[in-house]
Amino acid sequence: MSREKIYVFGHRQPDTDSIASVIGYAYMKNQNDSQREYIACRCGPLNSESTFLLSYFDVEPPVFMKTVDPIVGDLVLRTPIVASEETSTYEIAKIMEEHNIKVVPIVDDNSRPSGIISERHLARAYVKRLSVDSLKLHPINVNTIAQLLKGNVLVSPSTNILKGEVHIAIDSTSTFVEKLKSTDLAIVGNNPEMQLKLVEKRVTLMILTNSHVPSKEILIQAKRNHVGIISTAYGPYGVGKLINLSMPAKMIMSKSFITAKLSEKLNEIKTKIYESKERFALALDETGKLVGVITRTNLLYDTRKKVILLDHNERPQAVDGLEQAELLEVIDHHRLGGLTTLKPVRFHNEPVGSTSTIVGEWFLKNCKKKNPQIAGVLLGGIVSDTLAFRLSTTTKKDREAARQLSKIADINLEEFSKDLLRKGLDLSGKAPYEVVSKDVKEYVIGDYNVLIAQVMVMDMEQVRSRQEEFRKALKHLYNNSKADVAFLLFTNVPKNQSEVWVEGNREIIEEAFKVHLDENNSVVLNGVMSRKKDFLPKIGEVLRKKR
């Protein structure tokens, strides 16, 4: 039995700490919880620093999932009971009865659906009035005909597969026999003269109604002429109607049916099914092969994904579809945001420099097998989010966790930190919008939506040489958001300061830091390195007063 899946997510614009912490936490939980499978996920692209880190330690990136909305693939579907286009209607009915199902998909040799037969299609085929003259038997095994008629095969025909026109003996003997061909089947009652003439005509099969049995002489002659004989308790009309059920599936199947890919959102397919006469849909894999039948009963079960959030606790930063998921845990090191839940969840928030520090401590304490690669990835998360312990948010816990993780990873902490930051802070060759939007956080403070982007740099020369491009990128980011104000922090690591660019209400930052913006709506703030500790709190104080 497969384990229950738990999806571990960072925020929408995943930085290195977000990526590292979900990898580390999923690893730790999988070591300690055999009942569940924890899957490290991301809902945004990897930045160059994270890509470098994962490549450095040869670790697979988290699985990309744009949304946690329930999808068709979340349903537990039975292996479908199917039939081919040549399967008889009678056999389809038996399949439905034996397996207690109401629909049978008709598939080709590659398991791709070509049609469906439901109880409604069977009923329509049975009650439909067909002209006796046009009654035909499509290719079908003689034993299937016998089962269909609940009859006994008294003489086997020359071939097991029967096909041809079916005639009921209602004319005079000479007239009736004259119009028959050797490939035809005849339905006849207690009429020895007619029976004998049919044997002499060498019809393929003679069906005797009302449990009549031919004479010994006719049986001997039938065997000699290879004429099959079946005796059934049904009357001529009943035999004719039952033979309708010998039609192959392709004669009555519907080619109109709802399909759904495994990646399709469940809400969308629910609407289609509830509006459909058939009340079901066929689930297909990415190659178009049938994997199951979705019924209304399937849609009654809880298909919400179970989710754990790391490195954020605010709804605007979370993966799409969170409202349709079941939130189990939140692990973070930021301020408390506006995330609400319908029931209690495990919440761990600690004022340390990175979420990777929290996860790293648990990794060191709870993992019997301390994988050096995972230790290295967690170390990278700490180094990145503390800027190699330069930020004011850095604590003793960050430094101690990093020290122990570097030992397990067997790397030189100082050299590794230089390599990682150099990769993360290099802006050369990167598109302006990519630079501006790679680390963006959205906050709801009072009645204001605030967007804060941050770009770490070793110096401002790379920014100055492309200033107009970056300003256009910020304006584009602001216009595409629902924010009332957008701030872009170019944080100069060696100088311990940030140059802040503003789009929107400039008075907010001027009041918060007692400064005046220049003609380009920018200002340099000394000592401001951390978005969450040095910048956001002062902005938040001003906005709360404006309520």
Protein backbone atom coordinates (compact mmCIF):
# COMPACT_ATOMS: atom_id res chain seq x y z
CA MET A 1 0.00 0.00 0.00
CA SER A 2 1.38 3.41 -0.98
CA ARG A 3 2.19 5.88 1.78
CA GLU A 4 0.20 9.05 2.28
CA LYS A 5 1.91 11.97 0.54
CA ILE A 6 2.76 15.21 2.35
CA TYR A 7 3.92 18.15 0.23
CA VAL A 8 6.55 20.46 1.77
CA PHE A 9 6.62 23.95 0.22
CA GLY A 10 8.64 27.12 0.51
CA HIS A 11 7.35 30.49 -0.71
CA ARG A 12 6.40 31.57 -4.24
CA GLN A 13 9.71 33.23 -5.07
CA PRO A 14 11.98 30.63 -3.50
CA ASP A 15 15.36 31.86 -2.31
CA THR A 16 18.13 29.50 -1.29
CA ASP A 17 16.94 29.22 2.31
CA SER A 18 13.45 28.27 1.13
CA ILE A 19 14.81 25.59 -1.23
CA ALA A 20 17.32 24.22 1.27
CA SER A 21 14.90 24.02 4.18
CA VAL A 22 12.20 22.07 2.29
CA ILE A 23 14.81 19.57 1.08
CA GLY A 24 16.20 19.14 4.58
CA TYR A 25 12.83 18.91 6.29
CA ALA A 26 11.44 16.35 3.81
CA TYR A 27 14.61 14.27 4.28
CA MET A 28 14.34 14.38 8.08
CA LYS A 29 10.62 13.52 8.13
CA ASN A 30 11.08 10.59 5.74
CA GLN A 31 13.73 9.21 8.09
CA ASN A 32 11.41 9.36 11.08
CA ASP A 33 7.90 8.75 9.69
CA SER A 34 7.41 5.45 7.86
CA GLN A 35 3.66 5.99 7.42
CA ARG A 36 3.97 9.01 5.14
CA GLU A 37 6.03 10.18 2.18
CA TYR A 38 7.27 13.77 2.45
CA ILE A 39 7.92 15.46 -0.89
CA ALA A 40 10.09 18.58 -1.16
CA CYS A 41 8.31 21.02 -3.49
CA ARG A 42 8.69 24.47 -5.00
CA CYS A 43 6.13 26.73 -6.68
CA GLY A 44 8.61 29.04 -8.38
CA PRO A 45 11.87 28.88 -10.41
CA LEU A 46 15.29 28.25 -8.89
CA ASN A 47 17.59 31.26 -8.76
CA SER A 48 21.23 30.98 -9.82
CA GLU A 49 22.48 30.69 -6.25
CA SER A 50 20.14 27.79 -5.43
CA THR A 51 21.05 26.08 -8.71
CA PHE A 52 24.73 26.41 -7.83
CA LEU A 53 24.15 25.02 -4.33
CA LEU A 54 22.20 21.94 -5.49
CA SER A 55 24.74 21.27 -8.22
CA TYR A 56 27.61 21.66 -5.72
CA PHE A 57 26.20 18.87 -3.53
CA ASP A 58 24.59 16.88 -6.38
CA VAL A 59 21.09 17.10 -4.88
CA GLU A 60 17.89 16.99 -6.93
CA PRO A 61 15.80 20.19 -6.83
CA PRO A 62 12.37 20.14 -5.18
CA VAL A 63 9.48 19.01 -7.37
CA PHE A 64 7.85 21.91 -9.20
CA MET A 65 4.13 22.26 -8.42
CA LYS A 66 2.36 25.41 -9.51
CA THR A 67 -0.71 24.72 -7.37
CA VAL A 68 -1.97 22.37 -4.67
CA ASP A 69 -5.51 22.37 -6.01
CA PRO A 70 -6.82 18.78 -6.03
CA ILE A 71 -6.25 17.17 -9.42
CA VAL A 72 -7.58 14.04 -11.11
CA GLY A 73 -4.36 12.25 -10.23
CA ASP A 74 -5.21 12.62 -6.52
CA LEU A 75 -8.21 10.32 -6.89
CA VAL A 76 -7.90 6.68 -5.92
CA LEU A 77 -9.24 4.94 -9.03
CA ARG A 78 -9.75 1.22 -9.55
CA THR A 79 -8.08 -0.50 -12.48
CA PRO A 80 -10.69 -0.07 -15.23
CA ILE A 81 -12.72 -3.04 -16.51
CA VAL A 82 -12.67 -2.65 -20.28
CA ALA A 83 -13.81 -4.35 -23.50
CA SER A 84 -12.92 -4.22 -27.18
CA GLU A 85 -15.06 -3.01 -30.06
CA GLU A 86 -15.76 -6.65 -31.02
CA THR A 87 -17.01 -7.68 -27.58
CA SER A 88 -20.70 -8.62 -27.74
CA THR A 89 -23.35 -6.56 -26.02
CA TYR A 90 -24.27 -9.66 -24.06
CA GLU A 91 -20.72 -10.00 -22.73
CA ILE A 92 -20.72 -6.28 -21.84
CA ALA A 93 -23.88 -6.84 -19.80
CA LYS A 94 -22.24 -9.78 -18.02
CA ILE A 95 -19.17 -7.66 -17.23
CA MET A 96 -21.38 -4.98 -15.67
CA GLU A 97 -23.24 -7.53 -13.56
CA GLU A 98 -20.16 -9.46 -12.41
CA HIS A 99 -18.18 -6.35 -11.46
CA ASN A 100 -21.13 -4.23 -10.29
CA ILE A 101 -20.26 -1.35 -12.60
CA LYS A 102 -22.46 0.91 -14.69
CA VAL A 103 -20.13 1.75 -17.53
CA VAL A 104 -17.58 -0.19 -19.60
CA PRO A 105 -14.98 1.76 -21.59
CA ILE A 106 -14.24 0.39 -25.05
CA VAL A 107 -10.51 0.55 -25.81
CA ASP A 108 -8.18 -0.20 -28.70
CA ASP A 109 -5.05 -2.35 -28.63
CA ASN A 110 -3.09 0.54 -27.08
CA SER A 111 -5.56 0.99 -24.18
CA ARG A 112 -6.85 4.26 -25.63
CA PRO A 113 -10.63 4.71 -25.33
CA SER A 114 -12.68 4.71 -28.54
CA GLY A 115 -16.11 4.64 -26.94
CA ILE A 116 -18.18 3.80 -23.87
CA ILE A 117 -21.18 1.61 -23.12
CA SER A 118 -23.31 2.41 -20.10
CA GLU A 119 -26.48 0.86 -18.73
CA ARG A 120 -28.36 3.49 -20.68
CA HIS A 121 -26.82 2.34 -23.95
CA LEU A 122 -27.66 -1.29 -23.16
CA ALA A 123 -31.27 -0.43 -22.38
CA ARG A 124 -31.60 1.53 -25.60
CA ALA A 125 -30.16 -1.36 -27.64
CA TYR A 126 -32.51 -3.87 -26.00
CA VAL A 127 -35.76 -1.97 -26.40
CA LYS A 128 -35.01 -0.60 -29.83
CA ARG A 129 -37.39 -2.13 -32.38
CA LEU A 130 -35.42 -3.71 -35.21
CA SER A 131 -37.09 -5.05 -38.36
CA VAL A 132 -37.09 -8.87 -38.36
CA ASP A 133 -35.91 -8.85 -41.98
CA SER A 134 -32.88 -6.77 -41.03
CA LEU A 135 -31.93 -8.84 -37.98
CA LYS A 136 -28.28 -9.77 -38.38
CA LEU A 137 -25.83 -11.73 -36.33
CA HIS A 138 -22.46 -10.09 -36.12
CA PRO A 139 -19.36 -12.26 -35.54
CA ILE A 140 -19.93 -14.13 -32.28
CA ASN A 141 -18.92 -17.45 -30.75
CA VAL A 142 -21.57 -20.20 -30.82
CA ASN A 143 -21.15 -20.81 -27.10
CA THR A 144 -21.90 -17.14 -26.45
CA ILE A 145 -25.15 -17.50 -28.42
CA ALA A 146 -26.01 -20.59 -26.35
CA GLN A 147 -25.35 -18.72 -23.11
CA LEU A 148 -27.31 -15.75 -24.34
CA LEU A 149 -30.34 -17.95 -25.10
CA LYS A 150 -29.77 -20.20 -22.07
CA GLY A 151 -29.91 -23.02 -24.58
CA ASN A 152 -28.24 -26.37 -25.20
CA VAL A 153 -25.96 -27.01 -28.16
CA LEU A 154 -27.37 -30.26 -29.58
CA VAL A 155 -25.16 -30.21 -32.66
CA SER A 156 -22.05 -28.06 -33.12
CA PRO A 157 -21.90 -26.02 -36.34
CA SER A 158 -19.02 -26.25 -38.81
CA THR A 159 -17.54 -23.02 -37.41
CA ASN A 160 -17.42 -21.63 -33.89
CA ILE A 161 -17.73 -18.02 -35.06
CA LEU A 162 -21.18 -17.23 -36.40
CA LYS A 163 -22.30 -14.36 -38.57
CA GLY A 164 -25.05 -13.68 -41.09
CA GLU A 165 -28.74 -12.85 -41.30
CA VAL A 166 -31.22 -14.32 -38.82
CA HIS A 167 -34.66 -15.47 -40.08
CA ILE A 168 -37.78 -16.56 -38.20
CA ALA A 169 -39.75 -19.36 -39.85
CA ILE A 170 -43.18 -17.80 -40.35
CA ASP A 171 -43.63 -18.45 -44.09
CA SER A 172 -44.48 -21.72 -45.77
CA THR A 173 -41.66 -24.22 -45.81
CA SER A 174 -40.79 -23.85 -49.50
CA THR A 175 -40.96 -20.05 -49.47
CA PHE A 176 -38.94 -19.72 -46.27
CA VAL A 177 -36.17 -22.19 -47.20
CA GLU A 178 -35.81 -20.75 -50.67
CA LYS A 179 -34.70 -17.31 -49.41
CA LEU A 180 -32.01 -18.67 -47.06
CA LYS A 181 -28.27 -18.78 -47.66
CA SER A 182 -25.86 -21.28 -46.15
CA THR A 183 -24.38 -18.56 -43.89
CA ASP A 184 -27.76 -17.72 -42.37
CA LEU A 185 -29.34 -18.72 -39.07
CA ALA A 186 -32.95 -19.84 -38.73
CA ILE A 187 -35.32 -19.68 -35.77
CA VAL A 188 -37.90 -22.44 -35.96
CA GLY A 189 -40.52 -24.05 -33.73
CA ASN A 190 -42.01 -27.59 -33.58
CA ASN A 191 -42.10 -28.13 -37.33
CA PRO A 192 -40.22 -31.35 -38.32
CA GLU A 193 -40.73 -30.72 -42.06
CA MET A 194 -39.20 -27.24 -41.77
CA GLN A 195 -36.38 -28.55 -39.60
CA LEU A 196 -35.47 -31.22 -42.13
CA LYS A 197 -35.51 -28.77 -45.05
CA LEU A 198 -33.24 -26.39 -43.13
CA VAL A 199 -30.76 -29.21 -42.49
CA GLU A 200 -30.83 -30.12 -46.18
CA LYS A 201 -30.28 -26.41 -47.02
CA ARG A 202 -27.15 -26.60 -44.83
CA VAL A 203 -27.82 -23.39 -42.89
CA THR A 204 -25.10 -22.50 -40.37
CA LEU A 205 -27.30 -22.75 -37.28
CA MET A 206 -30.87 -23.75 -36.48
CA ILE A 207 -32.37 -22.45 -33.24
CA LEU A 208 -35.34 -24.43 -31.90
CA THR A 209 -37.70 -22.43 -29.67
CA ASN A 210 -39.88 -23.40 -26.72
CA SER A 211 -37.51 -26.23 -25.67
CA HIS A 212 -38.31 -28.33 -28.75
CA VAL A 213 -35.89 -31.14 -29.59
CA PRO A 214 -35.59 -32.50 -33.16
CA SER A 215 -36.01 -36.13 -34.03
CA LYS A 216 -33.10 -38.54 -33.99
CA GLU A 217 -33.16 -38.64 -37.80
CA ILE A 218 -32.79 -34.83 -38.02
CA LEU A 219 -29.96 -34.82 -35.48
CA ILE A 220 -28.03 -37.43 -37.50
CA GLN A 221 -28.60 -35.54 -40.72
CA ALA A 222 -27.55 -32.23 -39.07
CA LYS A 223 -24.27 -33.73 -37.90
CA ARG A 224 -23.66 -35.11 -41.40
CA ASN A 225 -24.33 -31.71 -42.98
CA HIS A 226 -22.47 -29.73 -40.25
CA VAL A 227 -25.61 -27.79 -39.34
CA GLY A 228 -25.56 -26.49 -35.78
CA ILE A 229 -28.62 -26.93 -33.57
CA ILE A 230 -29.43 -25.08 -30.34
CA SER A 231 -32.57 -25.67 -28.29
CA THR A 232 -33.84 -22.85 -26.06
CA ALA A 233 -36.86 -22.33 -23.83
CA TYR A 234 -37.49 -18.86 -25.32
CA GLY A 235 -40.14 -18.27 -27.95
CA PRO A 236 -39.35 -16.82 -31.39
CA TYR A 237 -39.86 -13.20 -30.28
CA GLY A 238 -37.66 -13.67 -27.20
CA VAL A 239 -34.92 -15.28 -29.27
CA GLY A 240 -35.03 -12.39 -31.74
CA LYS A 241 -34.77 -9.78 -28.99
CA LEU A 242 -31.92 -11.60 -27.25
CA ILE A 243 -29.98 -11.90 -30.48
CA ASN A 244 -29.98 -8.10 -30.51
CA LEU A 245 -27.59 -8.45 -27.55
CA SER A 246 -25.12 -10.32 -29.73
CA MET A 247 -24.25 -7.10 -31.48
CA PRO A 248 -20.59 -6.05 -31.02
CA ALA A 249 -19.81 -3.10 -28.81
CA LYS A 250 -18.93 -0.90 -31.77
CA MET A 251 -22.57 -1.10 -32.95
CA ILE A 252 -24.02 0.52 -29.82
CA MET A 253 -21.16 2.33 -28.09
CA SER A 254 -21.14 6.09 -27.77
CA LYS A 255 -18.16 7.96 -29.12
CA SER A 256 -19.11 10.99 -27.05
CA PHE A 257 -17.59 10.87 -23.57
CA ILE A 258 -15.78 13.12 -21.11
CA THR A 259 -12.05 12.66 -20.65
CA ALA A 260 -9.74 14.15 -18.05
CA LYS A 261 -5.95 14.19 -17.86
CA LEU A 262 -4.41 13.27 -14.51
CA SER A 263 -3.08 16.83 -14.21
CA GLU A 264 -6.52 18.44 -14.66
CA LYS A 265 -8.01 20.31 -11.69
CA LEU A 266 -10.69 18.29 -9.94
CA ASN A 267 -13.11 21.20 -9.65
CA GLU A 268 -13.16 21.54 -13.43
CA ILE A 269 -13.91 17.87 -14.07
CA LYS A 270 -16.54 17.86 -11.29
CA THR A 271 -18.53 20.49 -13.16
CA LYS A 272 -18.33 18.52 -16.41
CA ILE A 273 -19.47 15.29 -14.74
CA TYR A 274 -22.38 16.84 -12.86
CA GLU A 275 -23.62 18.42 -16.07
CA SER A 276 -23.24 15.21 -18.08
CA LYS A 277 -25.97 12.68 -18.79
CA GLU A 278 -23.48 9.85 -18.33
CA ARG A 279 -22.28 11.15 -14.94
CA PHE A 280 -18.74 9.86 -15.30
CA ALA A 281 -15.45 10.65 -17.05
CA LEU A 282 -12.50 8.64 -18.30
CA ALA A 283 -9.15 9.46 -16.66
CA LEU A 284 -6.23 9.39 -19.10
CA ASP A 285 -2.50 9.53 -18.58
CA GLU A 286 -0.30 11.94 -20.51
CA THR A 287 -0.11 9.50 -23.46
CA GLY A 288 -3.89 9.20 -23.71
CA LYS A 289 -4.11 5.71 -22.20
CA LEU A 290 -7.04 4.90 -19.93
CA VAL A 291 -6.14 4.67 -16.24
CA GLY A 292 -9.56 4.72 -14.58
CA VAL A 293 -13.20 5.74 -14.60
CA ILE A 294 -14.18 8.77 -12.50
CA THR A 295 -17.68 8.43 -11.05
CA ARG A 296 -19.68 10.70 -8.80
CA THR A 297 -18.82 8.39 -5.92
CA ASN A 298 -15.11 9.08 -6.45
CA LEU A 299 -15.81 12.80 -6.13
CA LEU A 300 -17.31 12.39 -2.65
CA TYR A 301 -13.99 11.48 -1.05
CA ASP A 302 -11.60 14.03 0.45
CA THR A 303 -8.89 14.67 -2.13
CA ARG A 304 -7.22 17.65 -0.48
CA LYS A 305 -3.43 17.58 -0.54
CA LYS A 306 -1.71 17.72 2.82
CA VAL A 307 0.77 20.60 2.93
CA ILE A 308 3.57 21.90 5.16
CA LEU A 309 4.80 25.48 4.68
CA LEU A 310 8.38 26.55 5.37
CA ASP A 311 10.09 29.95 5.40
CA HIS A 312 6.83 31.96 5.25
CA ASN A 313 3.48 32.26 6.99
CA GLU A 314 1.62 34.80 4.83
CA ARG A 315 -1.01 33.87 2.26
CA PRO A 316 0.29 36.08 -0.61
CA GLN A 317 3.62 34.22 -0.45
CA ALA A 318 2.11 30.73 -0.37
CA VAL A 319 1.50 28.26 -3.18
CA ASP A 320 -1.69 28.65 -5.21
CA GLY A 321 -4.65 26.51 -4.15
CA LEU A 322 -3.75 26.51 -0.46
CA GLU A 323 -7.42 27.06 0.44
CA GLN A 324 -8.20 23.69 -1.18
CA ALA A 325 -5.45 21.90 0.77
CA GLU A 326 -5.09 20.73 4.37
CA LEU A 327 -2.34 22.69 6.10
CA LEU A 328 -0.50 20.57 8.68
CA GLU A 329 2.49 22.65 9.78
CA VAL A 330 4.17 26.04 9.41
CA ILE A 331 7.89 26.47 10.15
CA ASP A 332 9.30 29.97 9.78
CA HIS A 333 11.62 32.69 11.07
CA HIS A 334 9.73 35.77 9.83
CA ARG A 335 7.12 38.02 11.40
CA LEU A 336 3.63 36.60 11.97
CA GLY A 337 1.49 37.22 8.90
CA GLY A 338 -2.19 36.94 8.07
CA LEU A 339 -2.37 33.20 7.37
CA THR A 340 -5.55 31.68 8.86
CA THR A 341 -6.63 28.04 9.21
CA LEU A 342 -9.90 26.26 9.96
CA LYS A 343 -8.31 24.04 12.59
CA PRO A 344 -5.16 24.11 14.74
CA VAL A 345 -1.85 23.36 13.03
CA ARG A 346 1.66 22.82 14.30
CA PHE A 347 3.35 26.22 14.17
CA HIS A 348 7.04 26.78 14.85
CA ASN A 349 8.47 30.29 14.52
CA GLU A 350 11.87 31.25 15.80
CA PRO A 351 13.81 34.55 15.57
CA VAL A 352 16.90 33.13 13.87
CA GLY A 353 18.68 34.05 10.66
CA SER A 354 17.20 31.33 8.46
CA THR A 355 14.63 28.55 8.36
CA SER A 356 17.51 26.23 7.43
CA THR A 357 18.90 26.87 10.93
CA ILE A 358 15.71 25.51 12.50
CA VAL A 359 15.59 22.51 10.18
CA GLY A 360 19.35 22.02 10.54
CA GLU A 361 19.07 21.73 14.33
CA TRP A 362 16.34 19.11 13.95
CA PHE A 363 18.40 17.30 11.31
CA LEU A 364 21.37 17.15 13.69
CA LYS A 365 19.22 15.98 16.60
CA ASN A 366 16.74 13.59 14.97
CA CYS A 367 18.43 11.99 11.96
CA LYS A 368 20.35 8.80 12.66
CA LYS A 369 21.70 8.88 9.12
CA LYS A 370 23.11 12.37 8.60
CA ASN A 371 23.54 12.60 4.85
CA PRO A 372 26.53 14.90 4.07
CA GLN A 373 24.81 16.26 0.93
CA ILE A 374 21.70 17.28 2.85
CA ALA A 375 23.90 18.81 5.55
CA GLY A 376 25.66 20.84 2.86
CA VAL A 377 22.40 22.07 1.35
CA LEU A 378 21.11 23.19 4.77
CA LEU A 379 24.43 24.93 5.39
CA GLY A 380 23.97 26.79 2.10
CA GLY A 381 20.54 27.96 3.23
CA ILE A 382 22.00 29.42 6.42
CA VAL A 383 24.92 31.11 4.67
CA SER A 384 22.64 32.61 2.01
CA ASP A 385 19.98 33.99 4.35
CA THR A 386 22.49 35.48 6.81
CA LEU A 387 24.86 36.71 4.07
CA ALA A 388 27.62 34.61 5.63
CA PHE A 389 26.58 35.80 9.13
CA ARG A 390 26.79 39.52 8.24
CA LEU A 391 23.09 40.36 8.65
CA SER A 392 21.71 41.76 11.90
CA THR A 393 19.29 38.80 12.08
CA THR A 394 22.20 36.37 12.57
CA THR A 395 22.20 34.55 15.93
CA LYS A 396 24.47 32.18 17.84
CA LYS A 397 22.20 29.35 16.75
CA ASP A 398 22.87 30.14 13.09
CA ARG A 399 26.63 30.06 13.59
CA GLU A 400 26.57 26.88 15.66
CA ALA A 401 24.27 25.01 13.29
CA ALA A 402 26.46 26.07 10.36
CA ARG A 403 29.61 24.90 12.16
CA GLN A 404 28.21 21.44 12.85
CA LEU A 405 26.70 21.05 9.37
CA SER A 406 29.98 22.03 7.70
CA LYS A 407 31.73 19.22 9.60
CA ILE A 408 29.21 16.65 8.39
CA ALA A 409 29.43 18.03 4.84
CA ASP A 410 33.25 18.01 5.19
CA ILE A 411 33.78 21.44 3.61
CA ASN A 412 35.63 24.62 4.54
CA LEU A 413 32.90 26.97 5.76
CA GLU A 414 34.71 30.21 4.90
CA GLU A 415 35.65 29.16 1.34
CA PHE A 416 32.24 27.67 0.67
CA SER A 417 30.52 30.87 1.87
CA LYS A 418 32.61 33.00 -0.50
CA ASP A 419 31.81 30.75 -3.46
CA LEU A 420 28.07 30.69 -2.72
CA LEU A 421 27.70 34.45 -2.18
CA ARG A 422 29.83 35.25 -5.20
CA LYS A 423 27.45 33.17 -7.31
CA GLY A 424 24.35 34.62 -5.71
CA LEU A 425 25.42 38.27 -5.87
CA ASP A 426 26.72 38.32 -9.45
CA LEU A 427 24.26 40.23 -11.67
CA SER A 428 26.17 39.92 -14.94
CA GLY A 429 24.26 38.28 -17.78
CA LYS A 430 20.95 38.36 -15.90
CA ALA A 431 17.84 40.03 -17.33
CA PRO A 432 16.73 43.09 -15.32
CA TYR A 433 13.28 41.72 -14.52
CA GLU A 434 14.81 38.40 -13.44
CA VAL A 435 17.07 40.29 -11.03
CA VAL A 436 14.32 42.50 -9.62
CA SER A 437 11.71 39.76 -9.23
CA LYS A 438 13.79 36.84 -7.97
CA ASP A 439 13.37 37.67 -4.25
CA VAL A 440 10.02 39.38 -3.74
CA LYS A 441 7.80 39.32 -0.67
CA GLU A 442 4.25 40.64 -0.48
CA TYR A 443 2.73 41.80 2.79
CA VAL A 444 -0.71 42.96 3.86
CA ILE A 445 -0.32 45.58 6.59
CA GLY A 446 -3.50 47.28 7.74
CA ASP A 447 -5.29 48.38 4.58
CA TYR A 448 -2.12 48.37 2.47
CA ASN A 449 -0.61 45.79 0.13
CA VAL A 450 3.16 46.16 0.26
CA LEU A 451 5.70 44.61 -2.11
CA ILE A 452 9.35 44.45 -1.07
CA ALA A 453 12.00 43.12 -3.45
CA GLN A 454 15.61 42.71 -2.39
CA VAL A 455 18.79 42.29 -4.44
CA MET A 456 22.10 41.61 -2.70
CA VAL A 457 25.18 43.13 -4.38
CA MET A 458 28.90 43.40 -3.67
CA ASP A 459 28.91 46.93 -5.11
CA MET A 460 26.53 49.24 -6.96
CA GLU A 461 28.57 49.52 -10.17
CA GLN A 462 26.66 46.70 -11.89
CA VAL A 463 23.42 48.49 -10.97
CA ARG A 464 24.58 51.97 -12.04
CA SER A 465 25.60 50.77 -15.51
CA ARG A 466 22.09 49.37 -16.12
CA GLN A 467 20.07 51.77 -13.98
CA GLU A 468 17.34 52.58 -16.53
CA GLU A 469 16.76 48.89 -17.24
CA PHE A 470 16.35 48.09 -13.57
CA ARG A 471 13.98 51.05 -13.03
CA LYS A 472 11.78 49.86 -15.89
CA ALA A 473 11.80 46.36 -14.41
CA LEU A 474 10.67 47.68 -11.02
CA LYS A 475 7.87 49.71 -12.63
CA HIS A 476 6.78 46.58 -14.53
CA LEU A 477 6.80 44.53 -11.31
CA TYR A 478 4.75 47.18 -9.51
CA ASN A 479 2.20 47.56 -12.32
CA ASN A 480 1.69 43.80 -12.53
CA SER A 481 1.03 43.50 -8.81
CA LYS A 482 -1.85 44.60 -6.62
CA ALA A 483 0.50 46.50 -4.33
CA ASP A 484 -0.15 50.03 -3.10
CA VAL A 485 3.58 50.60 -2.86
CA ALA A 486 6.66 48.69 -4.05
CA PHE A 487 10.17 48.92 -2.60
CA LEU A 488 13.32 47.58 -4.22
CA LEU A 489 16.33 47.21 -1.90
CA PHE A 490 19.78 46.97 -3.47
CA THR A 491 21.65 45.77 -0.39
CA ASN A 492 25.39 46.54 -0.54
CA VAL A 493 26.98 43.81 1.58
CA PRO A 494 30.48 45.30 2.09
CA LYS A 495 29.12 48.78 2.91
CA ASN A 496 26.37 47.51 5.22
CA GLN A 497 23.68 49.65 3.57
CA SER A 498 20.76 49.47 1.15
CA GLU A 499 19.77 51.79 -1.67
CA VAL A 500 15.97 51.76 -1.80
CA TRP A 501 13.94 52.52 -4.93
CA VAL A 502 10.23 53.27 -4.59
CA GLU A 503 7.19 52.95 -6.83
CA GLY A 504 3.96 54.30 -5.37
CA ASN A 505 3.47 56.29 -2.19
CA ARG A 506 6.92 57.78 -1.37
CA GLU A 507 5.70 59.37 1.86
CA ILE A 508 5.62 56.00 3.63
CA ILE A 509 9.38 55.45 3.56
CA GLU A 510 10.12 59.14 4.18
CA GLU A 511 8.04 59.06 7.36
CA ALA A 512 9.36 55.66 8.45
CA PHE A 513 13.08 56.53 8.17
CA LYS A 514 12.91 60.35 8.44
CA VAL A 515 14.51 60.82 5.04
CA HIS A 516 13.77 62.53 1.71
CA LEU A 517 13.82 60.65 -1.57
CA ASP A 518 15.76 62.14 -4.48
CA GLU A 519 14.29 62.97 -7.90
CA ASN A 520 14.53 59.28 -8.88
CA ASN A 521 12.47 58.20 -5.86
CA SER A 522 15.46 56.54 -4.21
CA VAL A 523 17.42 56.87 -0.97
CA VAL A 524 20.41 55.19 0.71
CA LEU A 525 19.69 53.73 4.19
CA ASN A 526 22.82 52.98 6.23
CA GLY A 527 22.67 49.92 8.46
CA VAL A 528 19.64 48.49 6.64
CA MET A 529 20.55 44.96 5.55
CA SER A 530 17.68 42.73 6.61
CA ARG A 531 14.31 43.18 4.97
CA LYS A 532 12.42 41.57 7.82
CA LYS A 533 14.35 43.11 10.75
CA ASP A 534 15.77 46.45 9.55
CA PHE A 535 13.22 47.58 6.96
CA LEU A 536 9.76 46.03 7.26
CA PRO A 537 9.10 46.83 10.95
CA LYS A 538 9.49 50.60 10.43
CA ILE A 539 7.33 50.53 7.31
CA GLY A 540 4.73 48.52 9.23
CA GLU A 541 4.61 51.06 12.07
CA VAL A 542 3.77 53.88 9.66
CA LEU A 543 1.10 51.89 7.81
CA ARG A 544 -0.65 50.80 11.01
CA LYS A 545 -1.06 54.47 11.98
CA LYS A 546 -2.84 55.13 8.68
CA ARG A 547 -5.71 52.70 9.39
